[in-house]
Amino acid sequence: MGSEVIIIPIIFGVILAIAYLYFSTRNKERLALIEKGGDASIFVRGKRGGATPLGKIILLNLALLLMGIGTAIFVASIFVHSLGVKQEVAYPGTIFLLAGVGLMVGFNMTNKLDKEN
C-alpha cells in the first residue's frame, strides 16, 4: 500500500535529475568553449537560415496523421460491413496502417518543404 506513495516522488526526482544533468552539462560545455576562445554565436537561437518553421512541420504532420486515422476508420467500417472482416481486426489494422501512411506522406512533404527553402 505504501509503495504507491513512493513511486510518484521517485518519478519526479528522476525527471529533475535528468533536467539538472542536461542543463549543468550544457553550461559546462559552453563555458569551456568560451574559455578556449570559440565563437559563442552558435548558442544564439535566431532564425535558421531559410529552414521551414517547426510549427508548420508539426501542423502538417498532425493534419496528415489525423486524416489518415479518419480515413482508416471509414475504410475499416467498409471492411466490417461489406466484406465481413471481424471488428477486432479491421479497426486497429487499418488505423495503424493508414496512420503510418499519413506520417510517411508528411515526412516526404516536409523534406520537399525543406528543399524549397
PDB file of N, CA and C in Angstrom:
ATOM      1  N   MET A   1       0.820  -1.185   0.000  1.00  0.00           N
ATOM      2  CA  MET A   1       0.000   0.000   0.000  1.00  0.00           C
ATOM      3  C   MET A   1       0.863   1.247   0.000  1.00  0.00           C
ATOM      4  N   GLY A   2       1.948   1.238   0.733  1.00  0.00           N
ATOM      5  CA  GLY A   2       2.797   2.418   0.830  1.00  0.00           C
ATOM      6  C   GLY A   2       3.683   2.620  -0.381  1.00  0.00           C
ATOM      7  N   SER A   3       3.863   1.577  -1.192  1.00  0.00           N
ATOM      8  CA  SER A   3       4.766   1.702  -2.336  1.00  0.00           C
ATOM      9  C   SER A   3       4.211   2.640  -3.409  1.00  0.00           C
ATOM     10  N   GLU A   4       2.892   2.793  -3.480  1.00  0.00           N
ATOM     11  CA  GLU A   4       2.318   3.701  -4.467  1.00  0.00           C
ATOM     12  C   GLU A   4       2.661   5.144  -4.148  1.00  0.00           C
ATOM     13  N   VAL A   5       2.784   5.454  -2.883  1.00  0.00           N
ATOM     14  CA  VAL A   5       3.091   6.813  -2.454  1.00  0.00           C
ATOM     15  C   VAL A   5       4.543   7.159  -2.778  1.00  0.00           C
ATOM     16  N   ILE A   6       5.409   6.179  -2.797  1.00  0.00           N
ATOM     17  CA  ILE A   6       6.828   6.412  -3.042  1.00  0.00           C
ATOM     18  C   ILE A   6       7.126   6.554  -4.535  1.00  0.00           C
ATOM     19  N   ILE A   7       6.343   5.939  -5.392  1.00  0.00           N
ATOM     20  CA  ILE A   7       6.632   5.926  -6.826  1.00  0.00           C
ATOM     21  C   ILE A   7       6.565   7.321  -7.435  1.00  0.00           C
ATOM     22  N   ILE A   8       5.575   8.109  -7.082  1.00  0.00           N
ATOM     23  CA  ILE A   8       5.408   9.442  -7.686  1.00  0.00           C
ATOM     24  C   ILE A   8       6.589  10.354  -7.362  1.00  0.00           C
ATOM     25  N   PRO A   9       7.068  10.457  -6.109  1.00  0.00           N
ATOM     26  CA  PRO A   9       8.263  11.285  -5.878  1.00  0.00           C
ATOM     27  C   PRO A   9       9.508  10.760  -6.593  1.00  0.00           C
ATOM     28  N   ILE A  10       9.606   9.456  -6.740  1.00  0.00           N
ATOM     29  CA  ILE A  10      10.752   8.894  -7.465  1.00  0.00           C
ATOM     30  C   ILE A  10      10.712   9.323  -8.923  1.00  0.00           C
ATOM     31  N   ILE A  11       9.545   9.285  -9.536  1.00  0.00           N
ATOM     32  CA  ILE A  11       9.417   9.701 -10.934  1.00  0.00           C
ATOM     33  C   ILE A  11       9.796  11.169 -11.087  1.00  0.00           C
ATOM     34  N   PHE A  12       9.269  12.034 -10.207  1.00  0.00           N
ATOM     35  CA  PHE A  12       9.610  13.455 -10.273  1.00  0.00           C
ATOM     36  C   PHE A  12      11.095  13.676  -9.999  1.00  0.00           C
ATOM     37  N   GLY A  13      11.664  12.905  -9.088  1.00  0.00           N
ATOM     38  CA  GLY A  13      13.090  13.021  -8.802  1.00  0.00           C
ATOM     39  C   GLY A  13      13.947  12.663  -9.998  1.00  0.00           C
ATOM     40  N   VAL A  14      13.566  11.615 -10.709  1.00  0.00           N
ATOM     41  CA  VAL A  14      14.315  11.213 -11.899  1.00  0.00           C
ATOM     42  C   VAL A  14      14.221  12.293 -12.969  1.00  0.00           C
ATOM     43  N   ILE A  15      13.028  12.848 -13.163  1.00  0.00           N
ATOM     44  CA  ILE A  15      12.861  13.902 -14.165  1.00  0.00           C
ATOM     45  C   ILE A  15      13.707  15.122 -13.802  1.00  0.00           C
ATOM     46  N   LEU A  16      13.695  15.520 -12.538  1.00  0.00           N
ATOM     47  CA  LEU A  16      14.501  16.656 -12.107  1.00  0.00           C
ATOM     48  C   LEU A  16      15.995  16.363 -12.234  1.00  0.00           C
ATOM     49  N   ALA A  17      16.416  15.150 -11.937  1.00  0.00           N
ATOM     50  CA  ALA A  17      17.828  14.794 -12.061  1.00  0.00           C
ATOM     51  C   ALA A  17      18.283  14.852 -13.515  1.00  0.00           C
ATOM     52  N   ILE A  18      17.463  14.370 -14.427  1.00  0.00           N
ATOM     53  CA  ILE A  18      17.807  14.424 -15.844  1.00  0.00           C
ATOM     54  C   ILE A  18      17.891  15.868 -16.319  1.00  0.00           C
ATOM     55  N   ALA A  19      16.945  16.701 -15.896  1.00  0.00           N
ATOM     56  CA  ALA A  19      16.972  18.115 -16.278  1.00  0.00           C
ATOM     57  C   ALA A  19      18.214  18.796 -15.713  1.00  0.00           C
ATOM     58  N   TYR A  20      18.567  18.516 -14.463  1.00  0.00           N
ATOM     59  CA  TYR A  20      19.754  19.109 -13.854  1.00  0.00           C
ATOM     60  C   TYR A  20      21.012  18.705 -14.613  1.00  0.00           C
ATOM     61  N   LEU A  21      21.146  17.429 -14.918  1.00  0.00           N
ATOM     62  CA  LEU A  21      22.321  16.969 -15.650  1.00  0.00           C
ATOM     63  C   LEU A  21      22.404  17.601 -17.043  1.00  0.00           C
ATOM     64  N   TYR A  22      21.279  17.715 -17.706  1.00  0.00           N
ATOM     65  CA  TYR A  22      21.261  18.313 -19.042  1.00  0.00           C
ATOM     66  C   TYR A  22      21.735  19.758 -19.004  1.00  0.00           C
ATOM     67  N   PHE A  23      21.151  20.553 -18.095  1.00  0.00           N
ATOM     68  CA  PHE A  23      21.485  21.967 -18.059  1.00  0.00           C
ATOM     69  C   PHE A  23      22.889  22.219 -17.507  1.00  0.00           C
ATOM     70  N   SER A  24      23.316  21.454 -16.519  1.00  0.00           N
ATOM     71  CA  SER A  24      24.661  21.672 -15.985  1.00  0.00           C
ATOM     72  C   SER A  24      25.726  21.263 -17.002  1.00  0.00           C
ATOM     73  N   THR A  25      25.505  20.178 -17.725  1.00  0.00           N
ATOM     74  CA  THR A  25      26.454  19.757 -18.753  1.00  0.00           C
ATOM     75  C   THR A  25      26.502  20.769 -19.887  1.00  0.00           C
ATOM     76  N   ARG A  26      25.357  21.273 -20.291  1.00  0.00           N
ATOM     77  CA  ARG A  26      25.314  22.264 -21.358  1.00  0.00           C
ATOM     78  C   ARG A  26      26.064  23.527 -20.932  1.00  0.00           C
ATOM     79  N   ASN A  27      25.887  23.938 -19.689  1.00  0.00           N
ATOM     80  CA  ASN A  27      26.575  25.125 -19.185  1.00  0.00           C
ATOM     81  C   ASN A  27      28.084  24.919 -19.178  1.00  0.00           C
ATOM     82  N   LYS A  28      28.534  23.746 -18.727  1.00  0.00           N
ATOM     83  CA  LYS A  28      29.974  23.461 -18.688  1.00  0.00           C
ATOM     84  C   LYS A  28      30.574  23.445 -20.095  1.00  0.00           C
ATOM     85  N   GLU A  29      29.856  22.886 -21.060  1.00  0.00           N
ATOM     86  CA  GLU A  29      30.346  22.861 -22.437  1.00  0.00           C
ATOM     87  C   GLU A  29      30.473  24.272 -22.988  1.00  0.00           C
ATOM     88  N   ARG A  30      29.491  25.103 -22.715  1.00  0.00           N
ATOM     89  CA  ARG A  30      29.528  26.483 -23.215  1.00  0.00           C
ATOM     90  C   ARG A  30      30.673  27.260 -22.567  1.00  0.00           C
ATOM     91  N   LEU A  31      30.859  27.104 -21.269  1.00  0.00           N
ATOM     92  CA  LEU A  31      31.950  27.798 -20.598  1.00  0.00           C
ATOM     93  C   LEU A  31      33.302  27.349 -21.138  1.00  0.00           C
ATOM     94  N   ALA A  32      33.463  26.057 -21.393  1.00  0.00           N
ATOM     95  CA  ALA A  32      34.722  25.555 -21.928  1.00  0.00           C
ATOM     96  C   ALA A  32      34.974  26.119 -23.328  1.00  0.00           C
ATOM     97  N   LEU A  33      33.944  26.234 -24.131  1.00  0.00           N
ATOM     98  CA  LEU A  33      34.102  26.775 -25.478  1.00  0.00           C
ATOM     99  C   LEU A  33      34.478  28.250 -25.424  1.00  0.00           C
ATOM    100  N   ILE A  34      33.847  28.992 -24.538  1.00  0.00           N
ATOM    101  CA  ILE A  34      34.142  30.417 -24.417  1.00  0.00           C
ATOM    102  C   ILE A  34      35.552  30.625 -23.872  1.00  0.00           C
ATOM    103  N   GLU A  35      35.984  29.789 -22.925  1.00  0.00           N
ATOM    104  CA  GLU A  35      37.338  29.913 -22.375  1.00  0.00           C
ATOM    105  C   GLU A  35      38.400  29.669 -23.430  1.00  0.00           C
ATOM    106  N   LYS A  36      38.141  28.779 -24.362  1.00  0.00           N
ATOM    107  CA  LYS A  36      39.114  28.477 -25.403  1.00  0.00           C
ATOM    108  C   LYS A  36      39.044  29.455 -26.561  1.00  0.00           C
ATOM    109  N   GLY A  37      38.164  30.447 -26.455  1.00  0.00           N
ATOM    110  CA  GLY A  37      38.083  31.466 -27.488  1.00  0.00           C
ATOM    111  C   GLY A  37      37.212  31.078 -28.665  1.00  0.00           C
ATOM    112  N   GLY A  38      36.332  30.136 -28.486  1.00  0.00           N
ATOM    113  CA  GLY A  38      35.435  29.719 -29.561  1.00  0.00           C
ATOM    114  C   GLY A  38      34.356  30.748 -29.817  1.00  0.00           C
ATOM    115  N   ASP A  39      33.710  30.605 -30.937  1.00  0.00           N
ATOM    116  CA  ASP A  39      32.646  31.524 -31.311  1.00  0.00           C
ATOM    117  C   ASP A  39      31.373  31.155 -30.559  1.00  0.00           C
ATOM    118  N   ALA A  40      30.852  32.076 -29.774  1.00  0.00           N
ATOM    119  CA  ALA A  40      29.666  31.819 -28.966  1.00  0.00           C
ATOM    120  C   ALA A  40      28.371  32.056 -29.733  1.00  0.00           C
ATOM    121  N   SER A  41      28.466  32.413 -30.999  1.00  0.00           N
ATOM    122  CA  SER A  41      27.247  32.687 -31.772  1.00  0.00           C
ATOM    123  C   SER A  41      26.442  31.418 -32.054  1.00  0.00           C
ATOM    124  N   ILE A  42      27.034  30.262 -31.852  1.00  0.00           N
ATOM    125  CA  ILE A  42      26.284  29.024 -32.093  1.00  0.00           C
ATOM    126  C   ILE A  42      25.208  28.807 -31.035  1.00  0.00           C
ATOM    127  N   PHE A  43      25.294  29.548 -29.917  1.00  0.00           N
ATOM    128  CA  PHE A  43      24.306  29.395 -28.859  1.00  0.00           C
ATOM    129  C   PHE A  43      23.075  30.252 -29.061  1.00  0.00           C
ATOM    130  N   VAL A  44      23.136  31.201 -29.972  1.00  0.00           N
ATOM    131  CA  VAL A  44      22.016  32.096 -30.216  1.00  0.00           C
ATOM    132  C   VAL A  44      21.015  31.377 -31.095  1.00  0.00           C
ATOM    133  N   ARG A  45      19.779  31.340 -30.635  1.00  0.00           N
ATOM    134  CA  ARG A  45      18.738  30.653 -31.403  1.00  0.00           C
ATOM    135  C   ARG A  45      17.934  31.677 -32.183  1.00  0.00           C
ATOM    136  N   GLY A  46      18.501  32.134 -33.246  1.00  0.00           N
ATOM    137  CA  GLY A  46      17.797  33.082 -34.097  1.00  0.00           C
ATOM    138  C   GLY A  46      17.105  32.338 -35.219  1.00  0.00           C
ATOM    139  N   LYS A  47      16.907  33.036 -36.310  1.00  0.00           N
ATOM    140  CA  LYS A  47      16.297  32.410 -37.482  1.00  0.00           C
ATOM    141  C   LYS A  47      17.253  31.386 -38.055  1.00  0.00           C
ATOM    142  N   ARG A  48      16.726  30.227 -38.340  1.00  0.00           N
ATOM    143  CA  ARG A  48      17.524  29.234 -39.039  1.00  0.00           C
ATOM    144  C   ARG A  48      17.566  29.652 -40.493  1.00  0.00           C
ATOM    145  N   GLY A  49      18.676  29.516 -41.100  1.00  0.00           N
ATOM    146  CA  GLY A  49      18.893  30.016 -42.459  1.00  0.00           C
ATOM    147  C   GLY A  49      17.896  29.494 -43.477  1.00  0.00           C
ATOM    148  N   GLY A  50      16.727  30.066 -43.534  1.00  0.00           N
ATOM    149  CA  GLY A  50      15.749  29.710 -44.548  1.00  0.00           C
ATOM    150  C   GLY A  50      15.061  28.378 -44.320  1.00  0.00           C
ATOM    151  N   ALA A  51      15.211  27.781 -43.171  1.00  0.00           N
ATOM    152  CA  ALA A  51      14.584  26.482 -42.914  1.00  0.00           C
ATOM    153  C   ALA A  51      13.095  26.666 -42.637  1.00  0.00           C
ATOM    154  N   THR A  52      12.352  25.612 -42.862  1.00  0.00           N
ATOM    155  CA  THR A  52      10.918  25.645 -42.614  1.00  0.00           C
ATOM    156  C   THR A  52      10.659  25.736 -41.111  1.00  0.00           C
ATOM    157  N   PRO A  53       9.759  26.617 -40.682  1.00  0.00           N
ATOM    158  CA  PRO A  53       9.477  26.734 -39.245  1.00  0.00           C
ATOM    159  C   PRO A  53       8.931  25.432 -38.665  1.00  0.00           C
ATOM    160  N   LEU A  54       9.283  25.171 -37.425  1.00  0.00           N
ATOM    161  CA  LEU A  54       8.894  23.927 -36.761  1.00  0.00           C
ATOM    162  C   LEU A  54       7.388  23.813 -36.625  1.00  0.00           C
ATOM    163  N   GLY A  55       6.698  24.924 -36.413  1.00  0.00           N
ATOM    164  CA  GLY A  55       5.241  24.895 -36.263  1.00  0.00           C
ATOM    165  C   GLY A  55       4.543  24.374 -37.506  1.00  0.00           C
ATOM    166  N   LYS A  56       5.039  24.778 -38.677  1.00  0.00           N
ATOM    167  CA  LYS A  56       4.441  24.294 -39.927  1.00  0.00           C
ATOM    168  C   LYS A  56       4.655  22.799 -40.098  1.00  0.00           C
ATOM    169  N   ILE A  57       5.823  22.329 -39.723  1.00  0.00           N
ATOM    170  CA  ILE A  57       6.125  20.901 -39.855  1.00  0.00           C
ATOM    171  C   ILE A  57       5.227  20.084 -38.937  1.00  0.00           C
ATOM    172  N   ILE A  58       5.087  20.519 -37.689  1.00  0.00           N
ATOM    173  CA  ILE A  58       4.237  19.796 -36.734  1.00  0.00           C
ATOM    174  C   ILE A  58       2.786  19.813 -37.176  1.00  0.00           C
ATOM    175  N   LEU A  59       2.325  20.975 -37.619  1.00  0.00           N
ATOM    176  CA  LEU A  59       0.937  21.095 -38.063  1.00  0.00           C
ATOM    177  C   LEU A  59       0.667  20.218 -39.282  1.00  0.00           C
ATOM    178  N   LEU A  60       1.587  20.200 -40.232  1.00  0.00           N
ATOM    179  CA  LEU A  60       1.430  19.365 -41.426  1.00  0.00           C
ATOM    180  C   LEU A  60       1.374  17.886 -41.060  1.00  0.00           C
ATOM    181  N   ASN A  61       2.301  17.435 -40.228  1.00  0.00           N
ATOM    182  CA  ASN A  61       2.322  16.021 -39.846  1.00  0.00           C
ATOM    183  C   ASN A  61       1.104  15.637 -39.009  1.00  0.00           C
ATOM    184  N   LEU A  62       0.676  16.518 -38.111  1.00  0.00           N
ATOM    185  CA  LEU A  62      -0.506  16.236 -37.299  1.00  0.00           C
ATOM    186  C   LEU A  62      -1.758  16.166 -38.165  1.00  0.00           C
ATOM    187  N   ALA A  63      -1.875  17.090 -39.121  1.00  0.00           N
ATOM    188  CA  ALA A  63      -3.043  17.071 -40.008  1.00  0.00           C
ATOM    189  C   ALA A  63      -3.082  15.793 -40.836  1.00  0.00           C
ATOM    190  N   LEU A  64      -1.947  15.388 -41.377  1.00  0.00           N
ATOM    191  CA  LEU A  64      -1.923  14.165 -42.177  1.00  0.00           C
ATOM    192  C   LEU A  64      -2.155  12.917 -41.326  1.00  0.00           C
ATOM    193  N   LEU A  65      -1.666  12.928 -40.087  1.00  0.00           N
ATOM    194  CA  LEU A  65      -1.914  11.804 -39.188  1.00  0.00           C
ATOM    195  C   LEU A  65      -3.405  11.677 -38.894  1.00  0.00           C
ATOM    196  N   LEU A  66      -4.058  12.791 -38.564  1.00  0.00           N
ATOM    197  CA  LEU A  66      -5.483  12.744 -38.253  1.00  0.00           C
ATOM    198  C   LEU A  66      -6.318  12.393 -39.488  1.00  0.00           C
ATOM    199  N   MET A  67      -5.903  12.871 -40.654  1.00  0.00           N
ATOM    200  CA  MET A  67      -6.615  12.486 -41.884  1.00  0.00           C
ATOM    201  C   MET A  67      -6.465  10.994 -42.145  1.00  0.00           C
ATOM    202  N   GLY A  68      -5.279  10.449 -41.873  1.00  0.00           N
ATOM    203  CA  GLY A  68      -5.065   9.014 -42.040  1.00  0.00           C
ATOM    204  C   GLY A  68      -5.912   8.200 -41.087  1.00  0.00           C
ATOM    205  N   ILE A  69      -6.025   8.657 -39.842  1.00  0.00           N
ATOM    206  CA  ILE A  69      -6.846   7.940 -38.865  1.00  0.00           C
ATOM    207  C   ILE A  69      -8.318   7.999 -39.253  1.00  0.00           C
ATOM    208  N   GLY A  70      -8.787   9.170 -39.689  1.00  0.00           N
ATOM    209  CA  GLY A  70     -10.183   9.295 -40.120  1.00  0.00           C
ATOM    210  C   GLY A  70     -10.497   8.415 -41.312  1.00  0.00           C
ATOM    211  N   THR A  71      -9.594   8.410 -42.280  1.00  0.00           N
ATOM    212  CA  THR A  71      -9.775   7.551 -43.446  1.00  0.00           C
ATOM    213  C   THR A  71      -9.748   6.083 -43.040  1.00  0.00           C
ATOM    214  N   ALA A  72      -8.902   5.742 -42.086  1.00  0.00           N
ATOM    215  CA  ALA A  72      -8.801   4.355 -41.632  1.00  0.00           C
ATOM    216  C   ALA A  72     -10.092   3.885 -40.982  1.00  0.00           C
ATOM    217  N   ILE A  73     -10.703   4.734 -40.184  1.00  0.00           N
ATOM    218  CA  ILE A  73     -11.965   4.352 -39.549  1.00  0.00           C
ATOM    219  C   ILE A  73     -13.042   4.127 -40.605  1.00  0.00           C
ATOM    220  N   PHE A  74     -13.064   4.993 -41.613  1.00  0.00           N
ATOM    221  CA  PHE A  74     -14.031   4.837 -42.694  1.00  0.00           C
ATOM    222  C   PHE A  74     -13.793   3.543 -43.479  1.00  0.00           C
ATOM    223  N   VAL A  75     -12.547   3.268 -43.822  1.00  0.00           N
ATOM    224  CA  VAL A  75     -12.209   2.048 -44.573  1.00  0.00           C
ATOM    225  C   VAL A  75     -12.491   0.806 -43.735  1.00  0.00           C
ATOM    226  N   ALA A  76     -12.191   0.869 -42.437  1.00  0.00           N
ATOM    227  CA  ALA A  76     -12.445  -0.283 -41.566  1.00  0.00           C
ATOM    228  C   ALA A  76     -13.935  -0.572 -41.467  1.00  0.00           C
ATOM    229  N   SER A  77     -14.753   0.469 -41.428  1.00  0.00           N
ATOM    230  CA  SER A  77     -16.200   0.222 -41.371  1.00  0.00           C
ATOM    231  C   SER A  77     -16.697  -0.399 -42.672  1.00  0.00           C
ATOM    232  N   ILE A  78     -16.091  -0.024 -43.785  1.00  0.00           N
ATOM    233  CA  ILE A  78     -16.438  -0.678 -45.054  1.00  0.00           C
ATOM    234  C   ILE A  78     -16.031  -2.144 -45.011  1.00  0.00           C
ATOM    235  N   PHE A  79     -14.833  -2.435 -44.484  1.00  0.00           N
ATOM    236  CA  PHE A  79     -14.384  -3.818 -44.372  1.00  0.00           C
ATOM    237  C   PHE A  79     -15.330  -4.639 -43.503  1.00  0.00           C
ATOM    238  N   VAL A  80     -15.767  -4.065 -42.397  1.00  0.00           N
ATOM    239  CA  VAL A  80     -16.613  -4.801 -41.453  1.00  0.00           C
ATOM    240  C   VAL A  80     -17.988  -5.065 -42.058  1.00  0.00           C
ATOM    241  N   HIS A  81     -18.610  -4.046 -42.632  1.00  0.00           N
ATOM    242  CA  HIS A  81     -19.991  -4.193 -43.087  1.00  0.00           C
ATOM    243  C   HIS A  81     -20.112  -4.831 -44.473  1.00  0.00           C
ATOM    244  N   SER A  82     -19.149  -4.611 -45.339  1.00  0.00           N
ATOM    245  CA  SER A  82     -19.253  -5.158 -46.696  1.00  0.00           C
ATOM    246  C   SER A  82     -18.554  -6.503 -46.854  1.00  0.00           C
ATOM    247  N   LEU A  83     -17.351  -6.611 -46.302  1.00  0.00           N
ATOM    248  CA  LEU A  83     -16.560  -7.815 -46.514  1.00  0.00           C
ATOM    249  C   LEU A  83     -16.647  -8.815 -45.368  1.00  0.00           C
ATOM    250  N   GLY A  84     -17.250  -8.419 -44.259  1.00  0.00           N
ATOM    251  CA  GLY A  84     -17.422  -9.331 -43.140  1.00  0.00           C
ATOM    252  C   GLY A  84     -16.169  -9.577 -42.327  1.00  0.00           C
ATOM    253  N   VAL A  85     -15.208  -8.665 -42.374  1.00  0.00           N
ATOM    254  CA  VAL A  85     -13.995  -8.804 -41.565  1.00  0.00           C
ATOM    255  C   VAL A  85     -14.355  -8.517 -40.108  1.00  0.00           C
ATOM    256  N   LYS A  86     -13.715  -9.226 -39.184  1.00  0.00           N
ATOM    257  CA  LYS A  86     -14.006  -9.019 -37.766  1.00  0.00           C
ATOM    258  C   LYS A  86     -13.612  -7.610 -37.350  1.00  0.00           C
ATOM    259  N   GLN A  87     -14.435  -7.013 -36.484  1.00  0.00           N
ATOM    260  CA  GLN A  87     -14.186  -5.658 -35.996  1.00  0.00           C
ATOM    261  C   GLN A  87     -12.860  -5.549 -35.254  1.00  0.00           C
ATOM    262  N   GLU A  88     -12.518  -6.569 -34.484  1.00  0.00           N
ATOM    263  CA  GLU A  88     -11.308  -6.551 -33.682  1.00  0.00           C
ATOM    264  C   GLU A  88     -10.050  -6.527 -34.539  1.00  0.00           C
ATOM    265  N   VAL A  89     -10.181  -6.963 -35.785  1.00  0.00           N
ATOM    266  CA  VAL A  89      -9.041  -6.989 -36.692  1.00  0.00           C
ATOM    267  C   VAL A  89      -9.047  -5.770 -37.608  1.00  0.00           C
ATOM    268  N   ALA A  90     -10.200  -5.410 -38.098  1.00  0.00           N
ATOM    269  CA  ALA A  90     -10.296  -4.369 -39.122  1.00  0.00           C
ATOM    270  C   ALA A  90      -9.909  -3.000 -38.592  1.00  0.00           C
ATOM    271  N   TYR A  91     -10.452  -2.594 -37.459  1.00  0.00           N
ATOM    272  CA  TYR A  91     -10.219  -1.229 -36.971  1.00  0.00           C
ATOM    273  C   TYR A  91      -8.759  -0.971 -36.573  1.00  0.00           C
ATOM    274  N   PRO A  92      -8.158  -1.781 -35.697  1.00  0.00           N
ATOM    275  CA  PRO A  92      -6.755  -1.477 -35.346  1.00  0.00           C
ATOM    276  C   PRO A  92      -5.805  -1.603 -36.534  1.00  0.00           C
ATOM    277  N   GLY A  93      -6.030  -2.603 -37.360  1.00  0.00           N
ATOM    278  CA  GLY A  93      -5.136  -2.811 -38.502  1.00  0.00           C
ATOM    279  C   GLY A  93      -5.149  -1.649 -39.477  1.00  0.00           C
ATOM    280  N   THR A  94      -6.331  -1.206 -39.867  1.00  0.00           N
ATOM    281  CA  THR A  94      -6.396  -0.104 -40.829  1.00  0.00           C
ATOM    282  C   THR A  94      -5.988   1.218 -40.195  1.00  0.00           C
ATOM    283  N   ILE A  95      -6.264   1.409 -38.907  1.00  0.00           N
ATOM    284  CA  ILE A  95      -5.854   2.658 -38.259  1.00  0.00           C
ATOM    285  C   ILE A  95      -4.337   2.755 -38.215  1.00  0.00           C
ATOM    286  N   PHE A  96      -3.662   1.695 -37.804  1.00  0.00           N
ATOM    287  CA  PHE A  96      -2.201   1.740 -37.759  1.00  0.00           C
ATOM    288  C   PHE A  96      -1.608   1.868 -39.156  1.00  0.00           C
ATOM    289  N   LEU A  97      -2.163   1.152 -40.124  1.00  0.00           N
ATOM    290  CA  LEU A  97      -1.639   1.197 -41.483  1.00  0.00           C
ATOM    291  C   LEU A  97      -1.780   2.588 -42.086  1.00  0.00           C
ATOM    292  N   LEU A  98      -2.961   3.154 -42.048  1.00  0.00           N
ATOM    293  CA  LEU A  98      -3.177   4.443 -42.694  1.00  0.00           C
ATOM    294  C   LEU A  98      -2.603   5.604 -41.881  1.00  0.00           C
ATOM    295  N   ALA A  99      -2.480   5.471 -40.575  1.00  0.00           N
ATOM    296  CA  ALA A  99      -1.787   6.495 -39.789  1.00  0.00           C
ATOM    297  C   ALA A  99      -0.307   6.514 -40.161  1.00  0.00           C
ATOM    298  N   GLY A 100       0.274   5.345 -40.346  1.00  0.00           N
ATOM    299  CA  GLY A 100       1.665   5.260 -40.795  1.00  0.00           C
ATOM    300  C   GLY A 100       1.851   5.829 -42.184  1.00  0.00           C
ATOM    301  N   VAL A 101       0.904   5.567 -43.069  1.00  0.00           N
ATOM    302  CA  VAL A 101       0.974   6.136 -44.420  1.00  0.00           C
ATOM    303  C   VAL A 101       0.887   7.663 -44.345  1.00  0.00           C
ATOM    304  N   GLY A 102       0.015   8.171 -43.496  1.00  0.00           N
ATOM    305  CA  GLY A 102      -0.105   9.621 -43.333  1.00  0.00           C
ATOM    306  C   GLY A 102       1.180  10.238 -42.814  1.00  0.00           C
ATOM    307  N   LEU A 103       1.831   9.589 -41.853  1.00  0.00           N
ATOM    308  CA  LEU A 103       3.097  10.103 -41.337  1.00  0.00           C
ATOM    309  C   LEU A 103       4.209  10.035 -42.384  1.00  0.00           C
ATOM    310  N   MET A 104       4.191   8.982 -43.209  1.00  0.00           N
ATOM    311  CA  MET A 104       5.196   8.880 -44.260  1.00  0.00           C
ATOM    312  C   MET A 104       5.002   9.973 -45.310  1.00  0.00           C
ATOM    313  N   VAL A 105       3.761  10.241 -45.665  1.00  0.00           N
ATOM    314  CA  VAL A 105       3.473  11.320 -46.604  1.00  0.00           C
ATOM    315  C   VAL A 105       3.890  12.654 -46.005  1.00  0.00           C
ATOM    316  N   GLY A 106       3.635  12.848 -44.712  1.00  0.00           N
ATOM    317  CA  GLY A 106       4.056  14.067 -44.036  1.00  0.00           C
ATOM    318  C   GLY A 106       5.564  14.227 -44.024  1.00  0.00           C
ATOM    319  N   PHE A 107       6.276  13.136 -43.824  1.00  0.00           N
ATOM    320  CA  PHE A 107       7.743  13.173 -43.855  1.00  0.00           C
ATOM    321  C   PHE A 107       8.241  13.596 -45.228  1.00  0.00           C
ATOM    322  N   ASN A 108       7.660  13.008 -46.270  1.00  0.00           N
ATOM    323  CA  ASN A 108       8.073  13.367 -47.630  1.00  0.00           C
ATOM    324  C   ASN A 108       7.731  14.816 -47.961  1.00  0.00           C
ATOM    325  N   MET A 109       6.573  15.284 -47.532  1.00  0.00           N
ATOM    326  CA  MET A 109       6.194  16.677 -47.782  1.00  0.00           C
ATOM    327  C   MET A 109       7.088  17.637 -47.006  1.00  0.00           C
ATOM    328  N   THR A 110       7.493  17.260 -45.799  1.00  0.00           N
ATOM    329  CA  THR A 110       8.406  18.086 -45.015  1.00  0.00           C
ATOM    330  C   THR A 110       9.770  18.175 -45.695  1.00  0.00           C
ATOM    331  N   ASN A 111      10.246  17.057 -46.241  1.00  0.00           N
ATOM    332  CA  ASN A 111      11.513  17.085 -46.966  1.00  0.00           C
ATOM    333  C   ASN A 111      11.432  18.006 -48.181  1.00  0.00           C
ATOM    334  N   LYS A 112      10.298  17.969 -48.894  1.00  0.00           N
ATOM    335  CA  LYS A 112      10.129  18.858 -50.042  1.00  0.00           C
ATOM    336  C   LYS A 112      10.108  20.321 -49.612  1.00  0.00           C
ATOM    337  N   LEU A 113       9.449  20.617 -48.486  1.00  0.00           N
ATOM    338  CA  LEU A 113       9.434  21.994 -47.986  1.00  0.00           C
ATOM    339  C   LEU A 113      10.839  22.474 -47.601  1.00  0.00           C
ATOM    340  N   ASP A 114      11.631  21.598 -46.998  1.00  0.00           N
ATOM    341  CA  ASP A 114      12.996  21.963 -46.626  1.00  0.00           C
ATOM    342  C   ASP A 114      13.864  22.207 -47.855  1.00  0.00           C
ATOM    343  N   LYS A 115      13.667  21.401 -48.900  1.00  0.00           N
ATOM    344  CA  LYS A 115      14.454  21.574 -50.114  1.00  0.00           C
ATOM    345  C   LYS A 115      14.096  22.858 -50.849  1.00  0.00           C
ATOM    346  N   GLU A 116      12.825  23.266 -50.765  1.00  0.00           N
ATOM    347  CA  GLU A 116      12.402  24.515 -51.414  1.00  0.00           C
ATOM    348  C   GLU A 116      13.011  25.722 -50.723  1.00  0.00           C
ATOM    349  N   ASN A 117      13.156  25.636 -49.401  1.00  0.00           N
ATOM    350  CA  ASN A 117      13.728  26.765 -48.659  1.00  0.00           C
ATOM    351  C   ASN A 117      15.207  26.607 -48.658  1.00  0.00           C
TER     352      ASN A 117
END
